[in-house]
Amino acid sequence: MKNFSYDIVLVPKKNLLKKKMSDLNKDIKALIEFLRELNEKNFN
């Protein structure tokens, strides 16, 4: 019974972590894109 509940707790956390990392990557890419556009506006 102990192992059973442990597996149930573990799996969603892993998936949540993957989702968070994925969201973080998207945010970082969006930020880089934004900074790039900002640079182009400033230099042109």
C-alpha atoms as a PDB file:
ATOM      1  CA  MET A   1       0.000   0.000   0.000  1.00  0.00           C
ATOM      2  CA  LYS A   2       2.885   2.360   0.788  1.00  0.00           C
ATOM      3  CA  ASN A   3       4.469   1.916  -2.666  1.00  0.00           C
ATOM      4  CA  PHE A   4       1.132   2.381  -4.342  1.00  0.00           C
ATOM      5  CA  SER A   5       0.509   5.822  -2.856  1.00  0.00           C
ATOM      6  CA  TYR A   6       4.139   6.795  -3.481  1.00  0.00           C
ATOM      7  CA  ASP A   7       3.779   6.084  -7.220  1.00  0.00           C
ATOM      8  CA  ILE A   8       0.594   8.125  -7.413  1.00  0.00           C
ATOM      9  CA  VAL A   9       2.323  11.100  -5.791  1.00  0.00           C
ATOM     10  CA  LEU A  10       5.496  10.792  -7.834  1.00  0.00           C
ATOM     11  CA  VAL A  11       4.049  10.613 -11.349  1.00  0.00           C
ATOM     12  CA  PRO A  12       2.011  13.845 -11.348  1.00  0.00           C
ATOM     13  CA  LYS A  13       4.967  15.742  -9.876  1.00  0.00           C
ATOM     14  CA  LYS A  14       7.225  14.577 -12.720  1.00  0.00           C
ATOM     15  CA  ASN A  15       4.629  15.591 -15.288  1.00  0.00           C
ATOM     16  CA  LEU A  16       4.124  18.910 -13.551  1.00  0.00           C
ATOM     17  CA  LEU A  17       7.875  19.516 -13.574  1.00  0.00           C
ATOM     18  CA  LYS A  18       8.059  18.729 -17.303  1.00  0.00           C
ATOM     19  CA  LYS A  19       5.180  21.111 -17.934  1.00  0.00           C
ATOM     20  CA  LYS A  20       6.804  23.827 -15.849  1.00  0.00           C
ATOM     21  CA  MET A  21      10.121  23.406 -17.658  1.00  0.00           C
ATOM     22  CA  SER A  22       8.300  23.525 -20.992  1.00  0.00           C
ATOM     23  CA  ASP A  23       6.439  26.691 -19.973  1.00  0.00           C
ATOM     24  CA  LEU A  24       9.693  28.195 -18.722  1.00  0.00           C
ATOM     25  CA  ASN A  25      11.371  27.483 -22.070  1.00  0.00           C
ATOM     26  CA  LYS A  26       8.500  29.177 -23.895  1.00  0.00           C
ATOM     27  CA  ASP A  27       8.751  32.190 -21.588  1.00  0.00           C
ATOM     28  CA  ILE A  28      12.508  32.431 -22.120  1.00  0.00           C
ATOM     29  CA  LYS A  29      12.139  32.189 -25.905  1.00  0.00           C
ATOM     30  CA  ALA A  30       9.445  34.867 -25.833  1.00  0.00           C
ATOM     31  CA  LEU A  31      11.675  37.075 -23.681  1.00  0.00           C
ATOM     32  CA  ILE A  32      14.647  36.650 -26.026  1.00  0.00           C
ATOM     33  CA  GLU A  33      12.417  37.459 -29.000  1.00  0.00           C
ATOM     34  CA  PHE A  34      11.107  40.554 -27.209  1.00  0.00           C
ATOM     35  CA  LEU A  35      14.634  41.764 -26.358  1.00  0.00           C
ATOM     36  CA  ARG A  36      15.734  41.195 -29.956  1.00  0.00           C
ATOM     37  CA  GLU A  37      12.860  43.304 -31.258  1.00  0.00           C
ATOM     38  CA  LEU A  38      13.617  45.975 -28.667  1.00  0.00           C
ATOM     39  CA  ASN A  39      17.258  46.072 -29.806  1.00  0.00           C
ATOM     40  CA  GLU A  40      16.255  46.429 -33.451  1.00  0.00           C
ATOM     41  CA  LYS A  41      13.933  49.332 -32.593  1.00  0.00           C
ATOM     42  CA  ASN A  42      16.649  51.074 -30.599  1.00  0.00           C
ATOM     43  CA  PHE A  43      19.341  50.705 -33.254  1.00  0.00           C
ATOM     44  CA  ASN A  44      17.219  51.625 -36.277  1.00  0.00           C
END
